[in-house]
PDB file of N, CA and C in Angstrom:
ATOM      1  N   MET A   1      10.204  -2.835  17.760  1.00  0.00           N
ATOM      2  CA  MET A   1       9.021  -2.027  17.497  1.00  0.00           C
ATOM      3  C   MET A   1       8.734  -2.021  15.996  1.00  0.00           C
ATOM      4  N   ALA A   2       7.511  -2.224  15.645  1.00  0.00           N
ATOM      5  CA  ALA A   2       7.114  -2.274  14.242  1.00  0.00           C
ATOM      6  C   ALA A   2       7.149  -0.880  13.622  1.00  0.00           C
ATOM      7  N   THR A   3       7.337  -0.858  12.316  1.00  0.00           N
ATOM      8  CA  THR A   3       7.307   0.376  11.545  1.00  0.00           C
ATOM      9  C   THR A   3       5.993   0.423  10.792  1.00  0.00           C
ATOM     10  N   LYS A   4       5.356   1.577  10.807  1.00  0.00           N
ATOM     11  CA  LYS A   4       4.101   1.758  10.091  1.00  0.00           C
ATOM     12  C   LYS A   4       4.349   2.658   8.889  1.00  0.00           C
ATOM     13  N   ALA A   5       3.658   2.353   7.788  1.00  0.00           N
ATOM     14  CA  ALA A   5       3.757   3.172   6.586  1.00  0.00           C
ATOM     15  C   ALA A   5       2.400   3.210   5.898  1.00  0.00           C
ATOM     16  N   TYR A   6       2.203   4.270   5.149  1.00  0.00           N
ATOM     17  CA  TYR A   6       1.014   4.392   4.310  1.00  0.00           C
ATOM     18  C   TYR A   6       1.492   4.413   2.871  1.00  0.00           C
ATOM     19  N   VAL A   7       0.852   3.607   2.033  1.00  0.00           N
ATOM     20  CA  VAL A   7       1.190   3.573   0.614  1.00  0.00           C
ATOM     21  C   VAL A   7      -0.046   4.042  -0.142  1.00  0.00           C
ATOM     22  N   LEU A   8       0.121   5.120  -0.900  1.00  0.00           N
ATOM     23  CA  LEU A   8      -0.973   5.698  -1.670  1.00  0.00           C
ATOM     24  C   LEU A   8      -0.846   5.205  -3.101  1.00  0.00           C
ATOM     25  N   LEU A   9      -1.929   4.667  -3.639  1.00  0.00           N
ATOM     26  CA  LEU A   9      -1.908   4.096  -4.980  1.00  0.00           C
ATOM     27  C   LEU A   9      -2.779   4.896  -5.931  1.00  0.00           C
ATOM     28  N   THR A  10      -2.288   5.063  -7.143  1.00  0.00           N
ATOM     29  CA  THR A  10      -3.109   5.520  -8.250  1.00  0.00           C
ATOM     30  C   THR A  10      -3.392   4.272  -9.067  1.00  0.00           C
ATOM     31  N   THR A  11      -4.659   4.048  -9.375  1.00  0.00           N
ATOM     32  CA  THR A  11      -5.042   2.816 -10.059  1.00  0.00           C
ATOM     33  C   THR A  11      -5.893   3.110 -11.287  1.00  0.00           C
ATOM     34  N   GLU A  12      -6.006   2.106 -12.148  1.00  0.00           N
ATOM     35  CA  GLU A  12      -6.966   2.193 -13.240  1.00  0.00           C
ATOM     36  C   GLU A  12      -8.350   2.075 -12.602  1.00  0.00           C
ATOM     37  N   PRO A  13      -9.252   3.007 -12.889  1.00  0.00           N
ATOM     38  CA  PRO A  13     -10.543   3.031 -12.200  1.00  0.00           C
ATOM     39  C   PRO A  13     -11.311   1.706 -12.229  1.00  0.00           C
ATOM     40  N   ALA A  14     -11.305   1.020 -13.333  1.00  0.00           N
ATOM     41  CA  ALA A  14     -12.069  -0.227 -13.444  1.00  0.00           C
ATOM     42  C   ALA A  14     -11.462  -1.362 -12.622  1.00  0.00           C
ATOM     43  N   LYS A  15     -10.229  -1.188 -12.155  1.00  0.00           N
ATOM     44  CA  LYS A  15      -9.537  -2.264 -11.439  1.00  0.00           C
ATOM     45  C   LYS A  15      -9.351  -1.983  -9.947  1.00  0.00           C
ATOM     46  N   THR A  16      -9.837  -0.859  -9.476  1.00  0.00           N
ATOM     47  CA  THR A  16      -9.605  -0.453  -8.086  1.00  0.00           C
ATOM     48  C   THR A  16     -10.098  -1.488  -7.074  1.00  0.00           C
ATOM     49  N   LYS A  17     -11.309  -1.957  -7.220  1.00  0.00           N
ATOM     50  CA  LYS A  17     -11.863  -2.905  -6.235  1.00  0.00           C
ATOM     51  C   LYS A  17     -11.087  -4.220  -6.235  1.00  0.00           C
ATOM     52  N   ALA A  18     -10.689  -4.710  -7.411  1.00  0.00           N
ATOM     53  CA  ALA A  18      -9.899  -5.951  -7.494  1.00  0.00           C
ATOM     54  C   ALA A  18      -8.529  -5.754  -6.857  1.00  0.00           C
ATOM     55  N   ILE A  19      -7.944  -4.578  -7.038  1.00  0.00           N
ATOM     56  CA  ILE A  19      -6.644  -4.276  -6.433  1.00  0.00           C
ATOM     57  C   ILE A  19      -6.767  -4.275  -4.912  1.00  0.00           C
ATOM     58  N   ILE A  20      -7.812  -3.663  -4.385  1.00  0.00           N
ATOM     59  CA  ILE A  20      -8.014  -3.649  -2.932  1.00  0.00           C
ATOM     60  C   ILE A  20      -8.124  -5.076  -2.407  1.00  0.00           C
ATOM     61  N   ALA A  21      -8.861  -5.919  -3.103  1.00  0.00           N
ATOM     62  CA  ALA A  21      -9.006  -7.315  -2.675  1.00  0.00           C
ATOM     63  C   ALA A  21      -7.649  -8.020  -2.638  1.00  0.00           C
ATOM     64  N   LYS A  22      -6.800  -7.761  -3.632  1.00  0.00           N
ATOM     65  CA  LYS A  22      -5.461  -8.367  -3.656  1.00  0.00           C
ATOM     66  C   LYS A  22      -4.584  -7.817  -2.541  1.00  0.00           C
ATOM     67  N   MET A  23      -4.684  -6.523  -2.298  1.00  0.00           N
ATOM     68  CA  MET A  23      -3.819  -5.889  -1.304  1.00  0.00           C
ATOM     69  C   MET A  23      -4.098  -6.401   0.107  1.00  0.00           C
ATOM     70  N   THR A  24      -5.333  -6.764   0.396  1.00  0.00           N
ATOM     71  CA  THR A  24      -5.653  -7.250   1.741  1.00  0.00           C
ATOM     72  C   THR A  24      -4.990  -8.589   2.039  1.00  0.00           C
ATOM     73  N   LYS A  25      -4.487  -9.258   1.003  1.00  0.00           N
ATOM     74  CA  LYS A  25      -3.809 -10.550   1.182  1.00  0.00           C
ATOM     75  C   LYS A  25      -2.289 -10.415   1.246  1.00  0.00           C
ATOM     76  N   VAL A  26      -1.768  -9.223   1.027  1.00  0.00           N
ATOM     77  CA  VAL A  26      -0.319  -8.995   1.046  1.00  0.00           C
ATOM     78  C   VAL A  26       0.164  -8.966   2.497  1.00  0.00           C
ATOM     79  N   PRO A  27       1.182  -9.773   2.838  1.00  0.00           N
ATOM     80  CA  PRO A  27       1.717  -9.741   4.203  1.00  0.00           C
ATOM     81  C   PRO A  27       2.177  -8.325   4.570  1.00  0.00           C
ATOM     82  N   GLY A  28       1.790  -7.878   5.746  1.00  0.00           N
ATOM     83  CA  GLY A  28       2.164  -6.546   6.204  1.00  0.00           C
ATOM     84  C   GLY A  28       1.081  -5.506   5.992  1.00  0.00           C
ATOM     85  N   VAL A  29       0.153  -5.759   5.068  1.00  0.00           N
ATOM     86  CA  VAL A  29      -0.930  -4.803   4.829  1.00  0.00           C
ATOM     87  C   VAL A  29      -2.003  -5.020   5.891  1.00  0.00           C
ATOM     88  N   ARG A  30      -2.198  -4.019   6.720  1.00  0.00           N
ATOM     89  CA  ARG A  30      -3.200  -4.105   7.798  1.00  0.00           C
ATOM     90  C   ARG A  30      -4.567  -3.643   7.336  1.00  0.00           C
ATOM     91  N   GLU A  31      -4.572  -2.685   6.398  1.00  0.00           N
ATOM     92  CA  GLU A  31      -5.840  -2.115   5.948  1.00  0.00           C
ATOM     93  C   GLU A  31      -5.672  -1.580   4.538  1.00  0.00           C
ATOM     94  N   ALA A  32      -6.732  -1.678   3.732  1.00  0.00           N
ATOM     95  CA  ALA A  32      -6.743  -1.129   2.375  1.00  0.00           C
ATOM     96  C   ALA A  32      -8.068  -0.406   2.186  1.00  0.00           C
ATOM     97  N   ASN A  33      -7.993   0.871   1.810  1.00  0.00           N
ATOM     98  CA  ASN A  33      -9.205   1.683   1.676  1.00  0.00           C
ATOM     99  C   ASN A  33      -9.235   2.426   0.353  1.00  0.00           C
ATOM    100  N   GLU A  34     -10.400   2.430  -0.287  1.00  0.00           N
ATOM    101  CA  GLU A  34     -10.608   3.291  -1.443  1.00  0.00           C
ATOM    102  C   GLU A  34     -10.853   4.697  -0.903  1.00  0.00           C
ATOM    103  N   VAL A  35     -10.252   5.696  -1.529  1.00  0.00           N
ATOM    104  CA  VAL A  35     -10.372   7.070  -1.041  1.00  0.00           C
ATOM    105  C   VAL A  35     -10.699   8.024  -2.180  1.00  0.00           C
ATOM    106  N   LEU A  36     -11.179   9.203  -1.816  1.00  0.00           N
ATOM    107  CA  LEU A  36     -11.419  10.278  -2.771  1.00  0.00           C
ATOM    108  C   LEU A  36     -10.214  11.200  -2.771  1.00  0.00           C
ATOM    109  N   GLY A  37      -9.939  11.830  -3.890  1.00  0.00           N
ATOM    110  CA  GLY A  37      -8.817  12.757  -3.972  1.00  0.00           C
ATOM    111  C   GLY A  37      -7.864  12.348  -5.073  1.00  0.00           C
ATOM    112  N   PRO A  38      -6.618  12.803  -4.996  1.00  0.00           N
ATOM    113  CA  PRO A  38      -5.664  12.528  -6.074  1.00  0.00           C
ATOM    114  C   PRO A  38      -5.210  11.071  -6.135  1.00  0.00           C
ATOM    115  N   TYR A  39      -5.432  10.309  -5.068  1.00  0.00           N
ATOM    116  CA  TYR A  39      -5.080   8.885  -5.051  1.00  0.00           C
ATOM    117  C   TYR A  39      -6.366   8.080  -4.960  1.00  0.00           C
ATOM    118  N   ASP A  40      -6.270   6.811  -5.313  1.00  0.00           N
ATOM    119  CA  ASP A  40      -7.455   5.956  -5.343  1.00  0.00           C
ATOM    120  C   ASP A  40      -7.538   5.001  -4.159  1.00  0.00           C
ATOM    121  N   VAL A  41      -6.380   4.582  -3.657  1.00  0.00           N
ATOM    122  CA  VAL A  41      -6.326   3.600  -2.575  1.00  0.00           C
ATOM    123  C   VAL A  41      -5.250   4.019  -1.584  1.00  0.00           C
ATOM    124  N   VAL A  42      -5.532   3.832  -0.296  1.00  0.00           N
ATOM    125  CA  VAL A  42      -4.520   4.025   0.745  1.00  0.00           C
ATOM    126  C   VAL A  42      -4.360   2.702   1.479  1.00  0.00           C
ATOM    127  N   LEU A  43      -3.114   2.230   1.546  1.00  0.00           N
ATOM    128  CA  LEU A  43      -2.789   1.014   2.283  1.00  0.00           C
ATOM    129  C   LEU A  43      -2.096   1.397   3.576  1.00  0.00           C
ATOM    130  N   GLU A  44      -2.441   0.727   4.650  1.00  0.00           N
ATOM    131  CA  GLU A  44      -1.706   0.882   5.907  1.00  0.00           C
ATOM    132  C   GLU A  44      -0.880  -0.383   6.086  1.00  0.00           C
ATOM    133  N   LEU A  45       0.429  -0.219   6.177  1.00  0.00           N
ATOM    134  CA  LEU A  45       1.332  -1.348   6.362  1.00  0.00           C
ATOM    135  C   LEU A  45       1.975  -1.289   7.728  1.00  0.00           C
ATOM    136  N   GLU A  46       2.240  -2.455   8.284  1.00  0.00           N
ATOM    137  CA  GLU A  46       3.009  -2.546   9.515  1.00  0.00           C
ATOM    138  C   GLU A  46       4.031  -3.656   9.316  1.00  0.00           C
ATOM    139  N   ILE A  47       5.304  -3.292   9.432  1.00  0.00           N
ATOM    140  CA  ILE A  47       6.392  -4.232   9.186  1.00  0.00           C
ATOM    141  C   ILE A  47       7.378  -4.184  10.340  1.00  0.00           C
ATOM    142  N   GLU A  48       8.145  -5.245  10.487  1.00  0.00           N
ATOM    143  CA  GLU A  48       9.136  -5.305  11.562  1.00  0.00           C
ATOM    144  C   GLU A  48      10.403  -4.535  11.207  1.00  0.00           C
ATOM    145  N   ARG A  49      10.823  -4.636   9.953  1.00  0.00           N
ATOM    146  CA  ARG A  49      12.057  -3.966   9.528  1.00  0.00           C
ATOM    147  C   ARG A  49      11.766  -3.117   8.296  1.00  0.00           C
ATOM    148  N   LEU A  50      12.308  -1.933   8.244  1.00  0.00           N
ATOM    149  CA  LEU A  50      12.079  -1.032   7.119  1.00  0.00           C
ATOM    150  C   LEU A  50      12.518  -1.659   5.798  1.00  0.00           C
ATOM    151  N   GLU A  51      13.530  -2.520   5.844  1.00  0.00           N
ATOM    152  CA  GLU A  51      14.033  -3.162   4.629  1.00  0.00           C
ATOM    153  C   GLU A  51      12.956  -4.016   3.953  1.00  0.00           C
ATOM    154  N   GLU A  52      11.990  -4.493   4.723  1.00  0.00           N
ATOM    155  CA  GLU A  52      10.901  -5.295   4.163  1.00  0.00           C
ATOM    156  C   GLU A  52      10.056  -4.487   3.181  1.00  0.00           C
ATOM    157  N   MET A  53      10.020  -3.178   3.372  1.00  0.00           N
ATOM    158  CA  MET A  53       9.191  -2.319   2.540  1.00  0.00           C
ATOM    159  C   MET A  53       9.550  -2.445   1.062  1.00  0.00           C
ATOM    160  N   THR A  54      10.842  -2.486   0.759  1.00  0.00           N
ATOM    161  CA  THR A  54      11.286  -2.594  -0.630  1.00  0.00           C
ATOM    162  C   THR A  54      10.746  -3.856  -1.273  1.00  0.00           C
ATOM    163  N   ASP A  55      10.855  -4.987  -0.583  1.00  0.00           N
ATOM    164  CA  ASP A  55      10.356  -6.246  -1.132  1.00  0.00           C
ATOM    165  C   ASP A  55       8.850  -6.212  -1.336  1.00  0.00           C
ATOM    166  N   ILE A  56       8.135  -5.694  -0.361  1.00  0.00           N
ATOM    167  CA  ILE A  56       6.677  -5.637  -0.480  1.00  0.00           C
ATOM    168  C   ILE A  56       6.278  -4.782  -1.679  1.00  0.00           C
ATOM    169  N   LEU A  57       6.901  -3.619  -1.817  1.00  0.00           N
ATOM    170  CA  LEU A  57       6.567  -2.736  -2.939  1.00  0.00           C
ATOM    171  C   LEU A  57       6.934  -3.363  -4.277  1.00  0.00           C
ATOM    172  N   ARG A  58       8.145  -3.894  -4.386  1.00  0.00           N
ATOM    173  CA  ARG A  58       8.623  -4.441  -5.663  1.00  0.00           C
ATOM    174  C   ARG A  58       7.941  -5.735  -6.078  1.00  0.00           C
ATOM    175  N   LYS A  59       7.597  -6.568  -5.114  1.00  0.00           N
ATOM    176  CA  LYS A  59       7.075  -7.897  -5.450  1.00  0.00           C
ATOM    177  C   LYS A  59       5.560  -8.033  -5.321  1.00  0.00           C
ATOM    178  N   SER A  60       4.953  -7.254  -4.435  1.00  0.00           N
ATOM    179  CA  SER A  60       3.538  -7.492  -4.127  1.00  0.00           C
ATOM    180  C   SER A  60       2.594  -6.337  -4.443  1.00  0.00           C
ATOM    181  N   ILE A  61       3.124  -5.135  -4.651  1.00  0.00           N
ATOM    182  CA  ILE A  61       2.233  -3.996  -4.891  1.00  0.00           C
ATOM    183  C   ILE A  61       2.405  -3.430  -6.301  1.00  0.00           C
ATOM    184  N   ARG A  62       3.598  -2.988  -6.641  1.00  0.00           N
ATOM    185  CA  ARG A  62       3.802  -2.342  -7.947  1.00  0.00           C
ATOM    186  C   ARG A  62       3.505  -3.236  -9.150  1.00  0.00           C
ATOM    187  N   PRO A  63       3.794  -4.551  -9.102  1.00  0.00           N
ATOM    188  CA  PRO A  63       3.526  -5.383 -10.281  1.00  0.00           C
ATOM    189  C   PRO A  63       2.045  -5.705 -10.516  1.00  0.00           C
ATOM    190  N   VAL A  64       1.179  -5.384  -9.573  1.00  0.00           N
ATOM    191  CA  VAL A  64      -0.237  -5.738  -9.710  1.00  0.00           C
ATOM    192  C   VAL A  64      -0.851  -4.986 -10.889  1.00  0.00           C
ATOM    193  N   ASP A  65      -1.544  -5.735 -11.726  1.00  0.00           N
ATOM    194  CA  ASP A  65      -2.196  -5.157 -12.900  1.00  0.00           C
ATOM    195  C   ASP A  65      -3.176  -4.067 -12.467  1.00  0.00           C
ATOM    196  N   GLY A  66      -3.018  -2.882 -13.023  1.00  0.00           N
ATOM    197  CA  GLY A  66      -3.898  -1.767 -12.706  1.00  0.00           C
ATOM    198  C   GLY A  66      -3.313  -0.758 -11.740  1.00  0.00           C
ATOM    199  N   VAL A  67      -2.202  -1.101 -11.078  1.00  0.00           N
ATOM    200  CA  VAL A  67      -1.520  -0.136 -10.210  1.00  0.00           C
ATOM    201  C   VAL A  67      -0.659   0.746 -11.107  1.00  0.00           C
ATOM    202  N   LEU A  68      -0.969   2.029 -11.154  1.00  0.00           N
ATOM    203  CA  LEU A  68      -0.260   2.958 -12.037  1.00  0.00           C
ATOM    204  C   LEU A  68       0.912   3.641 -11.350  1.00  0.00           C
ATOM    205  N   SER A  69       0.756   3.973 -10.064  1.00  0.00           N
ATOM    206  CA  SER A  69       1.849   4.612  -9.331  1.00  0.00           C
ATOM    207  C   SER A  69       1.642   4.422  -7.835  1.00  0.00           C
ATOM    208  N   THR A  70       2.743   4.596  -7.089  1.00  0.00           N
ATOM    209  CA  THR A  70       2.683   4.492  -5.630  1.00  0.00           C
ATOM    210  C   THR A  70       3.432   5.660  -5.000  1.00  0.00           C
ATOM    211  N   LEU A  71       3.016   6.026  -3.808  1.00  0.00           N
ATOM    212  CA  LEU A  71       3.720   7.007  -2.990  1.00  0.00           C
ATOM    213  C   LEU A  71       3.739   6.432  -1.582  1.00  0.00           C
ATOM    214  N   THR A  72       4.936   6.281  -1.018  1.00  0.00           N
ATOM    215  CA  THR A  72       5.075   5.658   0.296  1.00  0.00           C
ATOM    216  C   THR A  72       5.429   6.706   1.342  1.00  0.00           C
ATOM    217  N   CYS A  73       4.692   6.699   2.448  1.00  0.00           N
ATOM    218  CA  CYS A  73       4.931   7.609   3.567  1.00  0.00           C
ATOM    219  C   CYS A  73       5.187   6.767   4.809  1.00  0.00           C
ATOM    220  N   VAL A  74       6.428   6.768   5.277  1.00  0.00           N
ATOM    221  CA  VAL A  74       6.791   6.012   6.479  1.00  0.00           C
ATOM    222  C   VAL A  74       6.574   6.921   7.681  1.00  0.00           C
ATOM    223  N   THR A  75       5.895   6.404   8.699  1.00  0.00           N
ATOM    224  CA  THR A  75       5.598   7.235   9.864  1.00  0.00           C
ATOM    225  C   THR A  75       6.820   7.391  10.759  1.00  0.00           C
ATOM    226  N   MET A  76       6.829   8.475  11.495  1.00  0.00           N
ATOM    227  CA  MET A  76       7.863   8.731  12.484  1.00  0.00           C
ATOM    228  C   MET A  76       7.333   8.277  13.833  1.00  0.00           C
ATOM    229  N   LYS A  77       8.087   8.500  14.862  1.00  0.00           N
ATOM    230  CA  LYS A  77       7.666   8.131  16.212  1.00  0.00           C
ATOM    231  C   LYS A  77       6.359   8.847  16.566  1.00  0.00           C
ATOM    232  N   PRO A  78       5.368   8.097  17.099  1.00  0.00           N
ATOM    233  CA  PRO A  78       4.108   8.751  17.463  1.00  0.00           C
ATOM    234  C   PRO A  78       4.304   9.756  18.595  1.00  0.00           C
ATOM    235  N   VAL A  79       3.471  10.792  18.592  1.00  0.00           N
ATOM    236  CA  VAL A  79       3.543  11.807  19.635  1.00  0.00           C
ATOM    237  C   VAL A  79       2.563  11.500  20.732  1.00  0.00           C
TER     238      VAL A  79
END
């Protein structure tokens, strides 16, 4: 069973749209949305193993120019 997670990004305002375009190409990212509120972008990820999350964050999300911070929320079993 796949694991779903939401990654909330704070970005440099001028780079938000370019970041969203890059995020849609990251393996495991199902959806990328610009949002209003304390975060700028919400990513929906679906991965087979939770261990994959570390690699995706370290190699494909956090190093992207303009990504200032991330907050990851891993979902629990759906009700």
